[in-house]
Protein backbone atom coordinates (compact mmCIF):
# COMPACT_ATOMS: atom_id res chain seq x y z
CA MET A 1 -1.86 31.29 -7.38
CA TRP A 2 -1.59 28.43 -9.87
CA TRP A 3 1.39 26.99 -8.01
CA LEU A 4 -0.61 26.85 -4.79
CA ILE A 5 -3.45 25.07 -6.59
CA ALA A 6 -0.87 22.65 -7.98
CA ALA A 7 0.55 22.13 -4.46
CA VAL A 8 -2.90 21.23 -3.13
CA GLY A 9 -3.56 19.06 -6.19
CA LEU A 10 -0.30 17.17 -5.58
CA GLY A 11 -1.08 16.86 -1.88
CA ILE A 12 -4.31 14.96 -2.55
CA PRO A 13 -2.63 11.91 -4.17
CA LEU A 14 -0.07 12.01 -1.35
CA VAL A 15 -2.83 11.41 1.17
CA MET A 16 -4.76 8.97 -1.03
CA THR A 17 -1.83 6.78 -2.13
CA ALA A 18 0.76 7.37 0.61
CA MET A 19 3.39 8.06 -2.04
CA PRO A 20 5.81 10.60 -0.53
CA GLU A 21 7.00 11.74 -3.95
CA PHE A 22 3.74 13.68 -4.39
CA GLY A 23 4.51 15.54 -1.18
CA MET A 24 7.94 16.47 -2.49
CA PHE A 25 6.42 17.78 -5.72
CA SER A 26 3.90 19.70 -3.62
CA VAL A 27 6.72 21.36 -1.67
CA GLY A 28 8.38 22.19 -5.00
CA ALA A 29 5.16 23.89 -6.14
CA VAL A 30 5.03 25.94 -2.92
CA ALA A 31 8.67 26.97 -3.47
CA ALA A 32 7.78 28.09 -7.02
CA ALA A 33 4.85 30.12 -5.63
CA VAL A 34 7.19 31.77 -3.10
CA THR A 35 9.64 32.54 -5.92
CA GLN A 36 6.94 34.42 -7.78
CA ALA A 37 5.28 36.09 -4.79
CA PHE A 38 8.31 37.31 -2.85
CA PHE A 39 11.03 37.54 -5.47
CA GLY A 40 8.98 38.38 -8.55
CA GLY A 41 10.56 35.59 -10.56
CA GLY A 42 9.23 34.93 -14.02
CA ILE A 43 7.80 31.66 -15.26
CA VAL A 44 11.25 30.30 -16.16
CA ALA A 45 12.55 30.97 -12.64
CA GLN A 46 9.42 29.45 -11.13
CA VAL A 47 9.71 26.26 -13.18
CA LEU A 48 13.43 26.01 -12.40
CA VAL A 49 12.76 26.39 -8.66
CA PHE A 50 9.99 23.79 -8.86
CA VAL A 51 12.24 21.29 -10.63
CA ILE A 52 15.30 21.95 -8.45
CA VAL A 53 13.42 21.73 -5.15
CA SER A 54 11.45 18.64 -6.20
CA VAL A 55 14.49 16.78 -7.51
CA ALA A 56 16.59 17.79 -4.48
CA LEU A 57 13.94 16.53 -2.09
CA ILE A 58 13.59 13.25 -3.95
CA ALA A 59 17.38 12.82 -4.15
CA VAL A 60 17.89 13.55 -0.43
CA VAL A 61 14.73 12.45 1.38
CA ARG A 62 14.06 9.11 -0.36
CA PRO A 63 17.47 7.57 0.47
CA LEU A 64 17.19 8.82 4.06
CA ALA A 65 13.71 7.33 4.40
CA ALA A 66 14.82 4.02 2.86
CA ARG A 67 17.80 3.83 5.21
CA SER A 68 15.58 4.59 8.19
CA ARG A 69 13.04 1.99 7.12
CA ALA A 70 15.77 -0.64 6.69
CA ALA A 71 17.24 0.14 10.13
CA THR A 72 13.91 -0.32 11.90
CA PRO A 73 13.53 -3.91 13.10
CA ARG A 74 10.55 -5.70 11.64
CA THR A 75 7.89 -6.69 14.16
CA ALA A 76 6.82 -10.30 13.84
CA THR A 77 3.06 -10.82 13.71
CA GLY A 78 0.70 -13.76 13.32
CA VAL A 79 2.29 -17.19 13.25
CA GLU A 80 5.74 -15.62 12.80
CA ALA A 81 5.43 -14.20 16.31
CA LEU A 82 4.83 -17.70 17.73
CA THR A 83 8.09 -19.18 16.45
CA GLY A 84 10.62 -19.34 19.27
CA ARG A 85 8.05 -19.15 22.07
CA GLN A 86 7.63 -21.66 24.84
CA ALA A 87 4.49 -23.76 25.22
CA LEU A 88 3.03 -26.13 27.79
CA VAL A 89 2.24 -29.72 26.79
CA LEU A 90 -1.44 -30.50 27.49
CA GLU A 91 -1.53 -33.96 25.89
CA ARG A 92 1.42 -36.18 25.02
CA VAL A 93 3.27 -34.83 21.97
CA ASP A 94 5.20 -37.11 19.61
CA SER A 95 5.87 -37.20 15.87
CA GLN A 96 2.23 -38.18 15.24
CA GLY A 97 0.65 -35.32 17.17
CA GLY A 98 -0.48 -33.98 20.51
CA ARG A 99 -1.77 -30.77 22.13
CA ILE A 100 0.02 -27.76 23.60
CA LYS A 101 -0.99 -24.44 25.09
CA LEU A 102 0.73 -21.70 23.11
CA ALA A 103 0.13 -17.99 23.70
CA GLY A 104 -3.05 -18.75 25.64
CA GLU A 105 -4.51 -20.97 22.91
CA VAL A 106 -4.64 -24.73 22.46
CA TRP A 107 -2.69 -25.89 19.40
CA SER A 108 -2.11 -29.25 17.80
CA ALA A 109 1.58 -30.07 17.86
CA ARG A 110 4.13 -32.61 16.72
CA THR A 111 7.80 -33.07 17.49
CA LEU A 112 10.58 -32.08 15.13
CA ASP A 113 12.47 -35.32 15.81
CA ALA A 114 10.58 -38.55 15.15
CA GLY A 115 11.93 -40.29 18.27
CA GLN A 116 11.24 -37.43 20.69
CA VAL A 117 8.25 -37.56 23.09
CA TYR A 118 7.01 -34.87 25.50
CA GLU A 119 4.62 -35.68 28.31
CA LYS A 120 1.86 -33.56 29.86
CA GLY A 121 3.21 -30.65 31.91
CA GLN A 122 6.56 -30.32 30.12
CA GLN A 123 7.72 -27.07 28.52
CA VAL A 124 8.57 -27.16 24.82
CA ASP A 125 9.92 -24.63 22.34
CA VAL A 126 8.11 -23.89 19.08
CA VAL A 127 10.48 -24.07 16.12
CA GLU A 128 7.94 -23.48 13.36
CA ILE A 129 4.26 -23.42 12.53
CA ASP A 130 3.23 -25.90 9.84
CA GLY A 131 -0.33 -25.02 8.83
CA ALA A 132 -2.32 -25.32 12.06
CA THR A 133 0.29 -27.48 13.79
CA ALA A 134 3.14 -26.26 15.96
CA VAL A 135 6.40 -28.12 15.48
CA VAL A 136 8.19 -28.34 18.84
CA ILE A 137 11.46 -29.42 20.44
């Protein structure tokens, strides 16, 4: 019974902190409870099962989760998502400034190259966002 209480107690921080290690310890506690309930194992066997299951889960699941997380492409959000997009020039854009329509919004813009000029109606590519100004080519 104490192992099941421990499993629930370890499950609470798992939900509150999103730390998967608590879940692995919780599974270890359930395995220890099963050891006692179905196999009649003593306290030494229960503790050994708890430690072995918990450590095995941490040793196997954490690297798998890290590898899976690393393989998942990161989704760009905010201004990062605007880099590389095309925009429409609303007012002449040069190295001093101008206006573009980017992702449905009007942005101030300037050219990357000092000698470059884009006139109204031209398409430009956003190479970076510098504060509240889009840098275009």
